[in-house]
Protein backbone atom coordinates (compact mmCIF):
# COMPACT_ATOMS: atom_id res chain seq x y z
CA MET A 1 86.52 -61.27 84.04
CA ASP A 2 86.32 -64.34 86.27
CA ALA A 3 87.79 -67.44 84.62
CA ILE A 4 84.66 -69.55 85.20
CA ALA A 5 82.43 -66.83 83.74
CA ALA A 6 84.70 -66.71 80.70
CA ALA A 7 84.65 -70.50 80.40
CA GLN A 8 80.86 -70.40 80.36
CA VAL A 9 80.86 -67.84 77.55
CA LEU A 10 83.17 -70.03 75.46
CA SER A 11 81.09 -73.09 76.32
CA GLU A 12 77.89 -71.41 75.16
CA ILE A 13 79.58 -70.28 71.96
CA GLY A 14 80.66 -73.88 71.35
CA TYR A 15 77.13 -75.07 72.00
CA LEU A 16 75.59 -72.60 69.56
CA LEU A 17 78.19 -73.38 66.89
CA ARG A 18 77.43 -77.11 67.16
CA GLN A 19 73.97 -76.41 65.82
CA ASP A 20 75.52 -75.69 62.43
CA PRO A 21 77.04 -78.89 60.96
CA LYS A 22 79.63 -76.79 59.12
CA GLU A 23 80.93 -75.37 62.41
CA VAL A 24 81.53 -78.59 64.34
CA PHE A 25 85.32 -78.26 64.41
CA ARG A 26 85.19 -74.64 65.55
CA ALA A 27 82.60 -75.63 68.15
CA LYS A 28 84.93 -78.29 69.53
CA ALA A 29 87.75 -75.75 69.71
CA PHE A 30 85.66 -73.36 71.81
CA SER A 31 84.50 -76.19 74.08
CA ALA A 32 88.08 -77.42 74.55
CA ALA A 33 89.26 -73.92 75.43
CA ALA A 34 86.37 -73.53 77.89
CA TRP A 35 87.37 -76.81 79.51
CA ALA A 36 91.01 -75.76 79.82
CA ILE A 37 90.04 -72.48 81.46
CA ALA A 38 87.60 -74.20 83.84
CA LEU A 39 90.42 -76.55 84.86
CA GLU A 40 93.30 -74.07 85.11
CA ARG A 41 91.34 -70.96 86.20
CA PRO A 42 94.01 -68.58 84.89
CA ASP A 43 94.24 -64.87 85.66
CA LEU A 44 92.78 -63.64 82.36
CA GLU A 45 93.35 -59.96 83.06
CA ALA A 46 97.05 -60.54 83.74
CA LEU A 47 97.46 -62.70 80.66
CA HIS A 48 95.65 -60.15 78.51
CA LYS A 49 97.82 -57.34 79.84
CA ALA A 50 100.92 -59.41 79.02
CA ASN A 51 99.49 -60.35 75.60
CA LYS A 52 99.70 -64.02 76.58
CA LEU A 53 96.11 -65.28 76.30
CA THR A 54 97.26 -67.74 73.66
CA SER A 55 99.44 -69.41 76.32
CA ILE A 56 96.25 -71.07 77.60
CA GLU A 57 95.89 -74.58 76.21
CA GLY A 58 93.63 -74.62 73.18
CA VAL A 59 93.41 -70.84 72.85
CA GLY A 60 94.42 -69.60 69.43
CA ALA A 61 94.21 -66.10 68.00
CA GLY A 62 90.45 -66.21 67.34
CA ILE A 63 89.47 -67.42 70.81
CA ALA A 64 92.02 -65.04 72.37
CA LYS A 65 90.18 -62.18 70.64
CA VAL A 66 86.92 -63.29 72.27
CA LEU A 67 88.62 -63.51 75.66
CA ALA A 68 90.19 -60.07 75.18
CA GLY A 69 86.77 -58.63 74.53
CA LEU A 70 85.46 -60.25 77.70
CA VAL A 71 88.30 -58.84 79.78
CA GLU A 72 87.90 -55.37 78.32
CA THR A 73 84.11 -55.06 78.22
CA GLY A 74 82.65 -57.93 80.26
CA ARG A 75 80.66 -59.10 77.24
CA SER A 76 81.10 -60.97 73.96
CA SER A 77 79.73 -59.45 70.78
CA TYR A 78 80.38 -62.79 69.06
CA LEU A 79 78.18 -64.64 71.55
CA GLU A 80 75.47 -62.01 71.23
CA ARG A 81 75.54 -62.36 67.45
CA LEU A 82 75.31 -66.16 67.63
CA ARG A 83 72.38 -65.90 70.03
CA ALA A 84 70.58 -63.62 67.60
CA GLU A 85 71.35 -65.83 64.59
CA THR A 86 70.11 -68.98 66.32
CA GLY A 87 67.04 -67.36 67.87
CA GLN A 88 68.26 -67.93 71.42
CA PRO A 89 68.69 -64.41 72.84
CA ALA A 90 69.31 -63.62 76.48
CA ARG A 91 66.20 -63.37 78.65
CA ASP A 92 65.41 -61.17 81.61
CA ASP A 93 64.35 -64.08 83.84
CA GLU A 94 67.61 -66.02 83.96
CA SER A 95 68.50 -67.47 87.36
CA THR A 96 71.61 -67.16 89.51
CA ILE A 97 73.77 -70.27 89.87
CA ASP A 98 76.26 -70.09 92.75
CA LEU A 99 78.74 -72.88 92.12
CA THR A 100 80.30 -72.46 95.57
CA ALA A 101 77.11 -74.10 96.88
CA TYR A 102 77.41 -77.15 94.61
CA GLN A 103 77.42 -80.16 96.95
CA GLY A 104 78.27 -83.04 94.66
CA ASP A 105 77.97 -84.77 91.30
CA LEU A 106 75.45 -87.58 90.94
CA HIS A 107 76.67 -89.08 87.65
CA ALA A 108 80.23 -90.35 87.33
CA HIS A 109 81.95 -93.37 85.79
CA THR A 110 85.00 -95.37 86.82
CA ASP A 111 87.15 -98.06 85.24
CA TRP A 112 84.58 -100.59 86.40
CA SER A 113 82.83 -99.74 83.13
CA ASP A 114 84.01 -97.21 80.53
CA GLY A 115 85.61 -94.68 82.84
CA ARG A 116 89.31 -93.90 82.49
CA ALA A 117 90.17 -93.66 86.19
CA THR A 118 89.85 -95.76 89.30
CA MET A 119 87.17 -95.16 91.89
CA ILE A 120 89.68 -93.81 94.37
CA ASP A 121 91.08 -91.35 91.81
CA MET A 122 87.58 -90.09 91.06
CA ALA A 123 86.80 -89.85 94.77
CA ARG A 124 89.99 -87.93 95.56
CA ALA A 125 89.30 -85.49 92.73
CA ALA A 126 85.75 -84.92 93.96
CA LYS A 127 86.94 -84.31 97.51
CA ALA A 128 89.61 -81.87 96.26
CA LEU A 129 86.79 -79.86 94.66
CA GLY A 130 85.02 -79.68 98.02
CA TYR A 131 82.23 -82.09 97.09
CA LYS A 132 80.33 -83.73 99.93
CA TYR A 133 79.12 -86.66 97.83
CA LEU A 134 79.69 -88.38 94.51
CA GLY A 135 77.43 -90.78 92.65
CA VAL A 136 79.34 -93.82 91.34
CA THR A 137 77.07 -94.68 88.43
CA ASP A 138 78.76 -97.04 86.02
CA HIS A 139 76.84 -98.56 83.13
CA SER A 140 74.49 -101.54 83.19
CA PRO A 141 75.29 -104.61 81.03
CA ARG A 142 73.18 -103.89 77.91
CA ILE A 143 75.85 -102.15 75.83
CA LYS A 144 78.67 -104.69 75.78
CA VAL A 145 81.42 -102.29 74.68
CA VAL A 146 81.20 -100.27 77.92
CA ASN A 147 81.74 -103.33 80.15
CA GLY A 148 78.61 -102.68 82.17
CA LEU A 149 77.91 -104.11 85.60
CA ASP A 150 75.52 -106.96 86.32
CA ALA A 151 74.27 -107.75 89.83
CA GLU A 152 77.37 -109.76 90.75
CA ARG A 153 79.80 -107.01 89.68
CA LEU A 154 77.67 -104.37 91.40
CA LEU A 155 78.08 -106.28 94.64
CA ALA A 156 81.84 -106.42 94.17
CA GLN A 157 81.91 -102.72 93.37
CA SER A 158 79.90 -101.90 96.50
CA GLN A 159 82.55 -103.63 98.59
CA GLN A 160 85.27 -101.54 96.98
CA ARG A 161 83.14 -98.41 97.44
CA GLU A 162 83.08 -98.96 101.20
CA LYS A 163 86.87 -99.25 101.32
CA VAL A 164 87.41 -96.18 99.13
CA GLU A 165 84.97 -94.12 101.17
CA GLN A 166 86.85 -95.00 104.35
CA GLU A 167 90.24 -94.27 102.80
CA VAL A 168 89.29 -90.90 101.29
CA GLY A 169 87.19 -89.72 104.24
CA GLY A 170 84.81 -86.78 104.21
CA LEU A 171 83.15 -87.78 100.95
CA ALA A 172 80.03 -89.92 100.69
CA LEU A 173 80.18 -92.29 97.74
CA LEU A 174 76.69 -93.18 96.53
CA GLN A 175 76.40 -96.67 95.10
CA GLY A 176 74.50 -96.38 91.86
CA ILE A 177 74.09 -97.34 88.25
CA GLU A 178 73.38 -95.72 84.91
CA VAL A 179 70.85 -98.23 83.69
CA ASP A 180 69.72 -98.45 80.08
CA ILE A 181 66.11 -97.75 79.19
CA LEU A 182 65.25 -100.64 76.88
CA GLU A 183 63.08 -100.27 73.77
CA ASP A 184 59.89 -101.12 75.63
CA GLY A 185 60.67 -98.87 78.61
CA ALA A 186 61.83 -101.68 80.89
CA LEU A 187 65.19 -101.24 82.58
CA ASP A 188 68.37 -103.20 82.00
CA LEU A 189 68.50 -104.55 85.59
CA SER A 190 65.77 -106.02 87.75
CA ASP A 191 63.88 -104.03 90.36
CA ALA A 192 65.28 -106.40 92.98
CA VAL A 193 68.77 -105.09 92.16
CA LEU A 194 67.86 -101.44 91.57
CA GLU A 195 66.01 -101.03 94.85
CA LEU A 196 69.23 -101.77 96.76
CA LEU A 197 71.13 -98.84 95.23
CA ASP A 198 71.50 -95.28 96.51
CA ILE A 199 70.90 -93.73 93.11
CA VAL A 200 69.52 -95.01 89.81
CA ILE A 201 70.02 -92.97 86.66
CA ALA A 202 67.95 -94.32 83.76
CA SER A 203 69.21 -93.23 80.36
CA PRO A 204 68.25 -93.75 76.71
CA HIS A 205 71.32 -94.88 74.76
CA VAL A 206 70.08 -96.90 71.79
CA LYS A 207 67.19 -96.84 69.30
CA LEU A 208 66.90 -93.08 69.72
CA ARG A 209 65.09 -92.71 66.40
CA GLN A 210 62.25 -94.88 67.61
CA GLU A 211 58.86 -93.66 66.39
CA PRO A 212 57.76 -90.76 68.66
CA THR A 213 54.61 -92.43 70.02
CA ALA A 214 56.54 -95.57 70.97
CA MET A 215 59.37 -93.45 72.37
CA THR A 216 56.89 -91.54 74.51
CA GLU A 217 55.53 -94.76 75.99
CA ARG A 218 59.07 -95.99 76.53
CA MET A 219 60.03 -92.88 78.49
CA LEU A 220 56.75 -92.82 80.44
CA ARG A 221 57.37 -96.36 81.64
CA ALA A 222 60.89 -95.43 82.74
CA VAL A 223 59.91 -92.32 84.72
CA SER A 224 57.12 -94.23 86.46
CA ASN A 225 59.48 -96.93 87.76
CA PRO A 226 59.69 -96.34 91.53
CA ASN A 227 63.41 -97.15 91.59
CA VAL A 228 64.40 -94.44 89.10
CA ASP A 229 65.79 -91.23 90.59
CA VAL A 230 67.11 -89.37 87.53
CA ILE A 231 66.60 -89.56 83.77
CA GLY A 232 70.10 -89.23 82.35
CA HIS A 233 70.69 -87.04 79.26
CA PRO A 234 66.97 -87.30 78.47
CA THR A 235 67.16 -87.13 74.66
CA GLY A 236 70.48 -88.92 74.11
CA ARG A 237 71.49 -86.29 71.57
CA ARG A 238 74.99 -85.24 70.55
CA PRO A 239 74.66 -81.79 68.94
CA GLY A 240 76.36 -81.65 65.59
CA SER A 241 76.67 -85.40 65.22
CA ARG A 242 73.54 -87.19 66.44
CA GLU A 243 69.95 -86.16 66.78
CA GLY A 244 68.27 -87.01 70.03
CA ALA A 245 65.05 -88.88 70.63
CA THR A 246 61.75 -87.18 69.79
CA TYR A 247 58.78 -87.79 72.05
CA ASP A 248 55.95 -85.99 73.82
CA PHE A 249 58.24 -83.98 76.08
CA GLU A 250 55.45 -82.22 77.91
CA ARG A 251 53.71 -85.48 78.78
CA VAL A 252 56.92 -87.20 79.91
CA PHE A 253 58.11 -84.17 81.90
CA ARG A 254 54.75 -83.94 83.68
CA GLU A 255 54.99 -87.61 84.60
CA ALA A 256 58.57 -87.17 85.84
CA ALA A 257 57.45 -84.29 88.05
CA ALA A 258 54.53 -86.35 89.39
CA HIS A 259 56.87 -89.21 90.34
CA GLY A 260 59.61 -87.00 91.77
CA VAL A 261 62.09 -88.12 89.10
CA ALA A 262 64.72 -85.50 88.27
CA LEU A 263 65.80 -84.68 84.73
CA GLU A 264 69.49 -84.40 84.07
CA ILE A 265 71.33 -81.50 82.52
CA ASP A 266 74.36 -83.43 81.30
CA CYS A 267 77.27 -80.98 81.09
CA ASP A 268 79.47 -83.05 78.80
CA PRO A 269 80.07 -80.61 75.90
CA ALA A 270 79.32 -83.43 73.46
CA ARG A 271 75.84 -83.79 74.98
CA MET A 272 74.48 -80.60 76.62
CA ASP A 273 71.24 -82.45 77.33
CA LEU A 274 68.64 -81.24 78.34
CA SER A 275 68.96 -78.06 76.31
CA PRO A 276 68.10 -74.78 78.04
CA GLU A 277 64.87 -74.59 76.03
CA GLN A 278 63.72 -78.08 77.05
CA ALA A 279 64.86 -77.51 80.63
CA ARG A 280 62.75 -74.34 80.78
CA LEU A 281 59.71 -76.33 79.68
CA ALA A 282 60.44 -78.98 82.30
CA LEU A 283 60.80 -76.29 84.96
CA GLU A 284 57.38 -74.87 84.08
CA LEU A 285 55.93 -78.38 84.41
CA GLY A 286 57.27 -78.80 87.95
CA CYS A 287 60.42 -80.89 87.40
CA THR A 288 63.54 -81.01 89.48
CA PHE A 289 66.97 -81.34 87.90
CA SER A 290 70.39 -82.92 88.31
CA LEU A 291 73.38 -80.93 87.03
CA ASP A 292 76.12 -83.46 86.32
CA ALA A 293 79.43 -83.81 84.53
CA ASP A 294 78.86 -87.42 83.45
CA ALA A 295 82.59 -87.56 84.14
CA HIS A 296 84.69 -90.47 82.88
CA ALA A 297 87.93 -89.00 84.28
CA PRO A 298 88.77 -86.58 87.12
CA THR A 299 89.42 -83.62 84.82
CA GLU A 300 85.91 -83.93 83.42
CA PHE A 301 84.39 -82.71 86.67
CA ALA A 302 85.21 -79.28 85.21
CA TYR A 303 82.33 -79.78 82.78
CA VAL A 304 79.90 -78.59 85.47
CA PRO A 305 81.32 -75.10 86.06
CA MET A 306 81.87 -74.51 82.33
CA ALA A 307 78.27 -75.51 81.51
CA ALA A 308 76.46 -73.88 84.42
CA TRP A 309 75.18 -71.28 81.97
CA MET A 310 72.61 -73.87 80.86
CA PRO A 311 70.44 -73.95 84.01
CA ARG A 312 70.97 -70.20 84.33
CA ARG A 313 69.63 -69.60 80.81
CA ALA A 314 66.74 -71.95 81.59
CA GLY A 315 65.84 -69.86 84.63
CA ILE A 316 66.14 -72.80 87.02
CA PRO A 317 66.44 -71.74 90.67
CA MET A 318 69.06 -73.55 92.70
CA ASP A 319 66.48 -75.11 95.01
CA ARG A 320 65.17 -77.14 92.06
CA ILE A 321 68.61 -78.66 91.37
CA LEU A 322 69.48 -81.72 93.46
CA ASN A 323 73.22 -81.06 93.49
CA PHE A 324 72.81 -77.95 95.63
CA ARG A 325 71.11 -79.96 98.36
CA PRO A 326 73.00 -81.48 101.30
CA LEU A 327 73.30 -85.24 101.37
CA GLU A 328 70.58 -85.69 103.97
CA ALA A 329 68.12 -83.77 101.77
CA LEU A 330 68.60 -85.96 98.69
CA THR A 331 65.33 -87.82 98.25
CA MET A 332 66.91 -90.84 96.55
CA VAL A 333 69.16 -91.49 99.54
CA ALA A 334 66.29 -91.14 101.99
CA LYS A 335 63.87 -93.37 100.03
């Protein structure tokens, strides 16, 4: 059993458990173990043979039992039972996601806003993973607690980005922003600023319980903005702790497809947004996708391999996911 495949099984178990409010703590335990395995990539067969699966960080007796089953049989009866109980069984049209072809992450934060690492630390970590590019997409100013960037700070950050890119070498750093979608669908920075950036991720962060009709209009206005490249975590949900926004998903997804705006599959285990079910709908409506860690520290880049089961379960082919495209084929860079 490959470590990344095992991490994805534990990640999916954590995701399904989060849908039951009584299982939130167990869900977090499975997600944490998945993250540890995606980071360390241990030899699970050797550890199982030595009866040392619990030596993996975050793996107790219960999770070790799941891992033992995976090593011995290649499947998890626990995962299969959870899928049946939640009405989310495996399908025969799931896609293949080859992570060795993953070119780069488009959504990452640094200590310029609420990230916990410097730009150069994030860049070095991305290069070590073999990435060809990394989107530096710190927050816009709206939410004060995340120390978002206004136009003046964006300019200062762009100057640092050039220096870091030269120092690290071999990694393209895309100057971007994660800009808030305001209540009326306007964006938290002017078009005059946004049009200068390599990548603009527009995300709903506040007022997520806005009335569905108003929320639909809000999202439609955002996806129709010509400077928007990606809609970040499109519902804003946090399974097990916060419901996401409700709107006319079909209408918004159609509009995103028409404008060439990608929808994000945010791999942060606290988000998992879009869900596989919503992503499948978006796929049918012609959307492209961005598969991102939304990393706030270098170790969080491991969120992508542990959550790659999500686009697979949604049946999304790799050619519809921006991150598998070379830099020169990214539409937002070429715009």
